[in-house]
C-alpha atoms as a PDB file:
ATOM      1  CA  UNK A   1     137.652 -25.779  39.183  1.00  0.00           C
ATOM      2  CA  UNK A   2     133.936 -26.098  39.965  1.00  0.00           C
ATOM      3  CA  UNK A   3     134.820 -26.790  43.605  1.00  0.00           C
ATOM      4  CA  UNK A   4     136.730 -23.522  43.846  1.00  0.00           C
ATOM      5  CA  UNK A   5     133.901 -21.609  42.215  1.00  0.00           C
ATOM      6  CA  UNK A   6     131.404 -23.196  44.623  1.00  0.00           C
ATOM      7  CA  UNK A   7     133.489 -22.002  47.559  1.00  0.00           C
ATOM      8  CA  UNK A   8     133.195 -18.380  46.425  1.00  0.00           C
ATOM      9  CA  UNK A   9     129.415 -18.519  46.853  1.00  0.00           C
ATOM     10  CA  UNK A  10     127.359 -15.509  45.845  1.00  0.00           C
ATOM     11  CA  UNK A  11     130.134 -13.094  46.889  1.00  0.00           C
ATOM     12  CA  UNK A  12     131.705 -13.587  43.465  1.00  0.00           C
ATOM     13  CA  UNK A  13     129.138 -11.178  42.010  1.00  0.00           C
ATOM     14  CA  UNK A  14     130.650  -8.388  44.102  1.00  0.00           C
ATOM     15  CA  UNK A  15     133.981  -8.785  42.278  1.00  0.00           C
ATOM     16  CA  UNK A  16     133.494  -7.724  38.675  1.00  0.00           C
ATOM     17  CA  UNK A  17     136.648  -9.307  37.234  1.00  0.00           C
ATOM     18  CA  UNK A  18     136.037 -12.650  38.927  1.00  0.00           C
ATOM     19  CA  UNK A  19     132.364 -12.628  37.997  1.00  0.00           C
ATOM     20  CA  UNK A  20     133.201 -12.007  34.339  1.00  0.00           C
ATOM     21  CA  UNK A  21     135.727 -14.850  34.312  1.00  0.00           C
ATOM     22  CA  UNK A  22     133.265 -17.173  36.043  1.00  0.00           C
ATOM     23  CA  UNK A  23     130.577 -16.394  33.459  1.00  0.00           C
ATOM     24  CA  UNK A  24     133.028 -17.255  30.687  1.00  0.00           C
ATOM     25  CA  UNK A  25     133.676 -20.604  32.383  1.00  0.00           C
ATOM     26  CA  UNK A  26     129.928 -21.221  32.560  1.00  0.00           C
ATOM     27  CA  UNK A  27     129.531 -20.271  28.908  1.00  0.00           C
ATOM     28  CA  UNK A  28     132.168 -22.824  27.923  1.00  0.00           C
ATOM     29  CA  UNK A  29     130.366 -25.428  30.027  1.00  0.00           C
ATOM     30  CA  UNK A  30     127.156 -24.659  28.127  1.00  0.00           C
ATOM     31  CA  UNK A  31     128.852 -24.902  24.723  1.00  0.00           C
ATOM     32  CA  UNK A  32     130.208 -28.329  25.640  1.00  0.00           C
ATOM     33  CA  UNK A  33     126.804 -29.385  26.956  1.00  0.00           C
ATOM     34  CA  UNK A  34     125.140 -28.294  23.707  1.00  0.00           C
ATOM     35  CA  UNK A  35     127.662 -30.288  21.693  1.00  0.00           C
ATOM     36  CA  UNK A  36     126.892 -33.351  23.834  1.00  0.00           C
ATOM     37  CA  UNK A  37     123.165 -32.875  23.338  1.00  0.00           C
ATOM     38  CA  UNK A  38     123.573 -32.558  19.574  1.00  0.00           C
ATOM     39  CA  UNK A  39     125.711 -35.705  19.427  1.00  0.00           C
ATOM     40  CA  UNK A  40     123.201 -37.703  21.491  1.00  0.00           C
ATOM     41  CA  UNK A  41     120.289 -36.511  19.338  1.00  0.00           C
ATOM     42  CA  UNK A  42     122.177 -37.403  16.159  1.00  0.00           C
ATOM     43  CA  UNK A  43     123.026 -40.876  17.446  1.00  0.00           C
ATOM     44  CA  UNK A  44     119.500 -41.545  18.671  1.00  0.00           C
ATOM     45  CA  UNK A  45     118.034 -40.393  15.357  1.00  0.00           C
ATOM     46  CA  UNK A  46     120.397 -42.689  13.463  1.00  0.00           C
ATOM     47  CA  UNK A  47     119.209 -45.574  15.654  1.00  0.00           C
ATOM     48  CA  UNK A  48     115.572 -44.913  14.746  1.00  0.00           C
ATOM     49  CA  UNK A  49     114.678 -43.431  18.115  1.00  0.00           C
ATOM     50  CA  UNK A  50     111.211 -41.875  18.321  1.00  0.00           C
ATOM     51  CA  UNK A  51     111.215 -38.637  20.316  1.00  0.00           C
ATOM     52  CA  UNK A  52     107.751 -38.187  21.762  1.00  0.00           C
ATOM     53  CA  UNK A  53     105.805 -36.554  24.561  1.00  0.00           C
ATOM     54  CA  UNK A  54     105.079 -38.334  27.817  1.00  0.00           C
ATOM     55  CA  UNK A  55     101.419 -38.825  26.921  1.00  0.00           C
ATOM     56  CA  UNK A  56      99.212 -41.730  25.868  1.00  0.00           C
ATOM     57  CA  UNK A  57      99.370 -40.672  22.225  1.00  0.00           C
ATOM     58  CA  UNK A  58     103.184 -40.438  22.257  1.00  0.00           C
ATOM     59  CA  UNK A  59     102.920 -37.166  20.365  1.00  0.00           C
ATOM     60  CA  UNK A  60     106.092 -36.553  18.299  1.00  0.00           C
ATOM     61  CA  UNK A  61     108.478 -34.047  19.858  1.00  0.00           C
ATOM     62  CA  UNK A  62     111.478 -32.073  18.665  1.00  0.00           C
ATOM     63  CA  UNK A  63     114.386 -33.181  20.874  1.00  0.00           C
ATOM     64  CA  UNK A  64     116.372 -29.947  20.874  1.00  0.00           C
ATOM     65  CA  UNK A  65     115.427 -26.331  20.225  1.00  0.00           C
ATOM     66  CA  UNK A  66     118.319 -23.915  19.946  1.00  0.00           C
ATOM     67  CA  UNK A  67     118.125 -20.662  21.927  1.00  0.00           C
ATOM     68  CA  UNK A  68     115.791 -18.139  20.355  1.00  0.00           C
ATOM     69  CA  UNK A  69     116.722 -14.579  19.422  1.00  0.00           C
ATOM     70  CA  UNK A  70     115.325 -13.437  22.781  1.00  0.00           C
ATOM     71  CA  UNK A  71     117.202 -15.991  24.897  1.00  0.00           C
ATOM     72  CA  UNK A  72     119.576 -13.431  26.434  1.00  0.00           C
ATOM     73  CA  UNK A  73     116.648 -11.198  27.336  1.00  0.00           C
ATOM     74  CA  UNK A  74     114.875 -14.222  28.833  1.00  0.00           C
ATOM     75  CA  UNK A  75     117.950 -14.938  30.965  1.00  0.00           C
ATOM     76  CA  UNK A  76     117.809 -11.340  32.228  1.00  0.00           C
ATOM     77  CA  UNK A  77     114.101 -11.779  33.019  1.00  0.00           C
ATOM     78  CA  UNK A  78     114.823 -14.902  35.076  1.00  0.00           C
ATOM     79  CA  UNK A  79     117.510 -13.016  36.986  1.00  0.00           C
ATOM     80  CA  UNK A  80     115.147 -10.137  37.772  1.00  0.00           C
ATOM     81  CA  UNK A  81     112.045 -12.232  38.479  1.00  0.00           C
ATOM     82  CA  UNK A  82     113.658 -14.641  40.930  1.00  0.00           C
ATOM     83  CA  UNK A  83     116.073 -12.209  42.606  1.00  0.00           C
ATOM     84  CA  UNK A  84     119.108 -14.263  41.559  1.00  0.00           C
ATOM     85  CA  UNK A  85     119.784 -17.274  39.344  1.00  0.00           C
ATOM     86  CA  UNK A  86     123.035 -19.238  38.994  1.00  0.00           C
ATOM     87  CA  UNK A  87     125.423 -18.281  36.223  1.00  0.00           C
ATOM     88  CA  UNK A  88     125.279 -21.818  34.840  1.00  0.00           C
ATOM     89  CA  UNK A  89     121.530 -21.487  34.331  1.00  0.00           C
ATOM     90  CA  UNK A  90     121.934 -18.169  32.491  1.00  0.00           C
ATOM     91  CA  UNK A  91     124.537 -19.780  30.235  1.00  0.00           C
ATOM     92  CA  UNK A  92     122.240 -22.717  29.510  1.00  0.00           C
ATOM     93  CA  UNK A  93     119.405 -20.390  28.464  1.00  0.00           C
ATOM     94  CA  UNK A  94     121.613 -18.353  26.145  1.00  0.00           C
ATOM     95  CA  UNK A  95     123.723 -21.133  24.622  1.00  0.00           C
ATOM     96  CA  UNK A  96     122.012 -24.532  24.870  1.00  0.00           C
ATOM     97  CA  UNK A  97     118.273 -24.088  24.532  1.00  0.00           C
ATOM     98  CA  UNK A  98     115.548 -26.571  25.444  1.00  0.00           C
ATOM     99  CA  UNK A  99     116.146 -30.332  25.465  1.00  0.00           C
ATOM    100  CA  UNK A 100     113.666 -33.218  25.433  1.00  0.00           C
ATOM    101  CA  UNK A 101     115.120 -36.736  25.104  1.00  0.00           C
ATOM    102  CA  UNK A 102     111.991 -38.629  26.167  1.00  0.00           C
ATOM    103  CA  UNK A 103     111.041 -41.265  23.614  1.00  0.00           C
ATOM    104  CA  UNK A 104     111.377 -44.903  22.622  1.00  0.00           C
ATOM    105  CA  UNK A 105     114.458 -46.707  21.306  1.00  0.00           C
ATOM    106  CA  UNK A 106     113.830 -49.625  18.902  1.00  0.00           C
ATOM    107  CA  UNK A 107     116.281 -51.780  20.872  1.00  0.00           C
ATOM    108  CA  UNK A 108     115.117 -50.449  24.206  1.00  0.00           C
ATOM    109  CA  UNK A 109     111.315 -50.214  24.516  1.00  0.00           C
ATOM    110  CA  UNK A 110     111.543 -48.987  28.113  1.00  0.00           C
ATOM    111  CA  UNK A 111     114.034 -46.176  27.398  1.00  0.00           C
ATOM    112  CA  UNK A 112     111.586 -43.575  28.758  1.00  0.00           C
ATOM    113  CA  UNK A 113     111.963 -45.204  32.181  1.00  0.00           C
ATOM    114  CA  UNK A 114     115.706 -44.413  32.259  1.00  0.00           C
ATOM    115  CA  UNK A 115     115.094 -40.765  33.156  1.00  0.00           C
ATOM    116  CA  UNK A 116     116.122 -39.181  29.808  1.00  0.00           C
ATOM    117  CA  UNK A 117     117.450 -35.640  29.969  1.00  0.00           C
ATOM    118  CA  UNK A 118     114.878 -32.851  29.835  1.00  0.00           C
ATOM    119  CA  UNK A 119     115.633 -29.176  30.482  1.00  0.00           C
ATOM    120  CA  UNK A 120     113.030 -26.604  29.427  1.00  0.00           C
ATOM    121  CA  UNK A 121     113.763 -22.963  30.177  1.00  0.00           C
ATOM    122  CA  UNK A 122     112.325 -21.108  27.170  1.00  0.00           C
ATOM    123  CA  UNK A 123     109.311 -23.325  26.508  1.00  0.00           C
ATOM    124  CA  UNK A 124     110.031 -23.347  22.778  1.00  0.00           C
ATOM    125  CA  UNK A 125     109.429 -27.088  22.326  1.00  0.00           C
ATOM    126  CA  UNK A 126     105.729 -26.876  23.161  1.00  0.00           C
ATOM    127  CA  UNK A 127     103.666 -24.965  20.608  1.00  0.00           C
ATOM    128  CA  UNK A 128     100.637 -25.179  22.914  1.00  0.00           C
ATOM    129  CA  UNK A 129     102.523 -23.569  25.816  1.00  0.00           C
ATOM    130  CA  UNK A 130     101.430 -19.898  25.597  1.00  0.00           C
ATOM    131  CA  UNK A 131     103.983 -18.483  28.034  1.00  0.00           C
ATOM    132  CA  UNK A 132     106.565 -20.262  30.113  1.00  0.00           C
ATOM    133  CA  UNK A 133     107.136 -16.965  31.913  1.00  0.00           C
ATOM    134  CA  UNK A 134     103.541 -16.986  33.148  1.00  0.00           C
ATOM    135  CA  UNK A 135     103.995 -20.589  34.276  1.00  0.00           C
ATOM    136  CA  UNK A 136     107.215 -19.794  36.140  1.00  0.00           C
ATOM    137  CA  UNK A 137     105.697 -16.663  37.708  1.00  0.00           C
ATOM    138  CA  UNK A 138     102.587 -18.563  38.845  1.00  0.00           C
ATOM    139  CA  UNK A 139     104.764 -21.235  40.464  1.00  0.00           C
ATOM    140  CA  UNK A 140     106.839 -18.546  42.202  1.00  0.00           C
ATOM    141  CA  UNK A 141     103.809 -16.625  43.450  1.00  0.00           C
ATOM    142  CA  UNK A 142     102.153 -19.806  44.672  1.00  0.00           C
ATOM    143  CA  UNK A 143     105.270 -20.766  46.608  1.00  0.00           C
ATOM    144  CA  UNK A 144     105.526 -17.310  48.179  1.00  0.00           C
ATOM    145  CA  UNK A 145     101.916 -17.563  49.332  1.00  0.00           C
ATOM    146  CA  UNK A 146     102.521 -20.987  50.855  1.00  0.00           C
ATOM    147  CA  UNK A 147     105.715 -19.724  52.453  1.00  0.00           C
ATOM    148  CA  UNK A 148     103.868 -16.770  54.015  1.00  0.00           C
ATOM    149  CA  UNK A 149     101.378 -19.159  55.598  1.00  0.00           C
ATOM    150  CA  UNK A 150     103.883 -21.833  56.569  1.00  0.00           C
ATOM    151  CA  UNK A 151     107.554 -21.053  57.174  1.00  0.00           C
ATOM    152  CA  UNK A 152     108.382 -24.740  56.770  1.00  0.00           C
ATOM    153  CA  UNK A 153     107.114 -24.820  53.172  1.00  0.00           C
ATOM    154  CA  UNK A 154     110.634 -25.515  51.930  1.00  0.00           C
ATOM    155  CA  UNK A 155     112.706 -23.948  49.185  1.00  0.00           C
ATOM    156  CA  UNK A 156     111.403 -22.862  45.799  1.00  0.00           C
ATOM    157  CA  UNK A 157     112.290 -25.128  42.884  1.00  0.00           C
ATOM    158  CA  UNK A 158     111.918 -23.657  39.398  1.00  0.00           C
ATOM    159  CA  UNK A 159     110.291 -26.537  37.457  1.00  0.00           C
ATOM    160  CA  UNK A 160     112.394 -27.458  34.424  1.00  0.00           C
ATOM    161  CA  UNK A 161     111.503 -31.098  33.740  1.00  0.00           C
ATOM    162  CA  UNK A 162     109.030 -33.826  34.668  1.00  0.00           C
ATOM    163  CA  UNK A 163     110.349 -36.335  37.164  1.00  0.00           C
ATOM    164  CA  UNK A 164     111.446 -39.762  35.933  1.00  0.00           C
ATOM    165  CA  UNK A 165     108.027 -41.313  36.517  1.00  0.00           C
ATOM    166  CA  UNK A 166     106.140 -38.651  34.596  1.00  0.00           C
ATOM    167  CA  UNK A 167     108.665 -39.014  31.769  1.00  0.00           C
ATOM    168  CA  UNK A 168     107.421 -42.599  31.565  1.00  0.00           C
ATOM    169  CA  UNK A 169     103.801 -41.366  31.583  1.00  0.00           C
ATOM    170  CA  UNK A 170     102.967 -42.713  35.023  1.00  0.00           C
ATOM    171  CA  UNK A 171     102.152 -40.916  38.275  1.00  0.00           C
ATOM    172  CA  UNK A 172     105.210 -39.520  39.955  1.00  0.00           C
ATOM    173  CA  UNK A 173     106.491 -36.795  42.197  1.00  0.00           C
ATOM    174  CA  UNK A 174     107.402 -33.145  41.900  1.00  0.00           C
ATOM    175  CA  UNK A 175     109.118 -31.764  38.793  1.00  0.00           C
ATOM    176  CA  UNK A 176     112.886 -31.555  38.602  1.00  0.00           C
ATOM    177  CA  UNK A 177     114.310 -28.070  38.704  1.00  0.00           C
ATOM    178  CA  UNK A 178     116.667 -25.445  40.051  1.00  0.00           C
ATOM    179  CA  UNK A 179     116.571 -24.214  43.627  1.00  0.00           C
ATOM    180  CA  UNK A 180     116.067 -20.429  43.575  1.00  0.00           C
ATOM    181  CA  UNK A 181     116.987 -17.760  44.385  1.00  0.00           C
ATOM    182  CA  UNK A 182     120.677 -18.533  44.176  1.00  0.00           C
ATOM    183  CA  UNK A 183     123.387 -16.052  43.247  1.00  0.00           C
ATOM    184  CA  UNK A 184     126.233 -18.583  43.078  1.00  0.00           C
ATOM    185  CA  UNK A 185     128.148 -19.589  39.976  1.00  0.00           C
ATOM    186  CA  UNK A 186     126.461 -22.995  39.914  1.00  0.00           C
ATOM    187  CA  UNK A 187     123.157 -23.830  41.559  1.00  0.00           C
ATOM    188  CA  UNK A 188     121.480 -26.877  43.044  1.00  0.00           C
ATOM    189  CA  UNK A 189     119.431 -29.068  40.755  1.00  0.00           C
ATOM    190  CA  UNK A 190     116.668 -30.967  42.556  1.00  0.00           C
ATOM    191  CA  UNK A 191     115.957 -34.321  40.889  1.00  0.00           C
ATOM    192  CA  UNK A 192     116.020 -37.820  42.408  1.00  0.00           C
ATOM    193  CA  UNK A 193     118.538 -36.220  44.718  1.00  0.00           C
ATOM    194  CA  UNK A 194     119.787 -32.639  44.955  1.00  0.00           C
ATOM    195  CA  UNK A 195     123.211 -31.890  43.527  1.00  0.00           C
ATOM    196  CA  UNK A 196     125.027 -29.070  41.719  1.00  0.00           C
ATOM    197  CA  UNK A 197     123.630 -28.527  38.234  1.00  0.00           C
ATOM    198  CA  UNK A 198     126.944 -29.256  36.496  1.00  0.00           C
ATOM    199  CA  UNK A 199     127.379 -32.454  38.533  1.00  0.00           C
ATOM    200  CA  UNK A 200     123.901 -33.536  37.453  1.00  0.00           C
ATOM    201  CA  UNK A 201     124.689 -32.844  33.800  1.00  0.00           C
ATOM    202  CA  UNK A 202     128.000 -34.726  33.964  1.00  0.00           C
ATOM    203  CA  UNK A 203     126.201 -37.687  35.525  1.00  0.00           C
ATOM    204  CA  UNK A 204     123.587 -37.644  32.775  1.00  0.00           C
ATOM    205  CA  UNK A 205     126.141 -37.364  29.961  1.00  0.00           C
ATOM    206  CA  UNK A 206     128.268 -40.123  31.508  1.00  0.00           C
ATOM    207  CA  UNK A 207     125.248 -42.349  30.818  1.00  0.00           C
ATOM    208  CA  UNK A 208     124.474 -41.069  27.333  1.00  0.00           C
ATOM    209  CA  UNK A 209     121.540 -38.918  28.441  1.00  0.00           C
ATOM    210  CA  UNK A 210     119.755 -41.784  30.251  1.00  0.00           C
ATOM    211  CA  UNK A 211     121.145 -41.965  33.811  1.00  0.00           C
ATOM    212  CA  UNK A 212     118.687 -44.369  35.461  1.00  0.00           C
ATOM    213  CA  UNK A 213     119.961 -47.987  35.754  1.00  0.00           C
ATOM    214  CA  UNK A 214     119.349 -50.234  32.767  1.00  0.00           C
ATOM    215  CA  UNK A 215     117.801 -53.693  32.811  1.00  0.00           C
ATOM    216  CA  UNK A 216     119.834 -55.688  30.308  1.00  0.00           C
ATOM    217  CA  UNK A 217     123.193 -55.932  28.555  1.00  0.00           C
ATOM    218  CA  UNK A 218     121.676 -54.759  25.247  1.00  0.00           C
ATOM    219  CA  UNK A 219     120.403 -51.567  26.891  1.00  0.00           C
ATOM    220  CA  UNK A 220     123.793 -51.051  28.493  1.00  0.00           C
ATOM    221  CA  UNK A 221     125.417 -51.265  25.057  1.00  0.00           C
ATOM    222  CA  UNK A 222     123.015 -48.630  23.705  1.00  0.00           C
ATOM    223  CA  UNK A 223     123.907 -46.242  26.516  1.00  0.00           C
ATOM    224  CA  UNK A 224     127.617 -46.927  26.162  1.00  0.00           C
ATOM    225  CA  UNK A 225     127.493 -45.974  22.488  1.00  0.00           C
ATOM    226  CA  UNK A 226     125.474 -42.835  23.237  1.00  0.00           C
ATOM    227  CA  UNK A 227     128.004 -41.767  25.886  1.00  0.00           C
ATOM    228  CA  UNK A 228     131.077 -42.478  23.740  1.00  0.00           C
ATOM    229  CA  UNK A 229     133.469 -39.492  23.598  1.00  0.00           C
ATOM    230  CA  UNK A 230     131.031 -36.999  25.084  1.00  0.00           C
ATOM    231  CA  UNK A 231     132.708 -33.954  26.590  1.00  0.00           C
ATOM    232  CA  UNK A 232     133.117 -33.563  30.348  1.00  0.00           C
ATOM    233  CA  UNK A 233     131.778 -30.288  31.692  1.00  0.00           C
END
């Protein structure tokens, strides 16, 4: 299904009936993703997992914030501000919310090094973050300035998560995020490699929210339990 939708490209938006059906597919994807996130958070909490920021103090963090009352309006703002955003991203904003799985597992002290899932589109998990819109707009304007000076500046990536090194509180590379503008049903998510957003999410959920290779059999068992019966997207 996702392959067929990819083949339609951005032209799908010119066909109202198809676009509406595609958005419904994306909405169902987001509902399944939210259920997976909630299951992972519940299982981690039961294990005594400490959700915390990627800082020296390991400041406690809320792992999942549901979409706010203005999530749909925020999705519209993203669409207008960046010319076009993928339907899957709009669905995530409206139906999933912000996710932060960085932390420490009692049976897996190095769990933060396994690239735990983080997606932040509303900025609701950080009380000290005055406006994620200002942050996104500044990143966009900075890229446009660089692009005007150097045509080889590359594509714009909307920053949605720290890279796997920063999640572990060590120096790393550029943030993970979505390549924009993109008017397709599903977009490209730039992480360790660049792949369709839904493919990235399926890969993450296949590994219980921690996709980077583990170091021992005990860590493998933790991930296997976290991934048990999660829904494919």
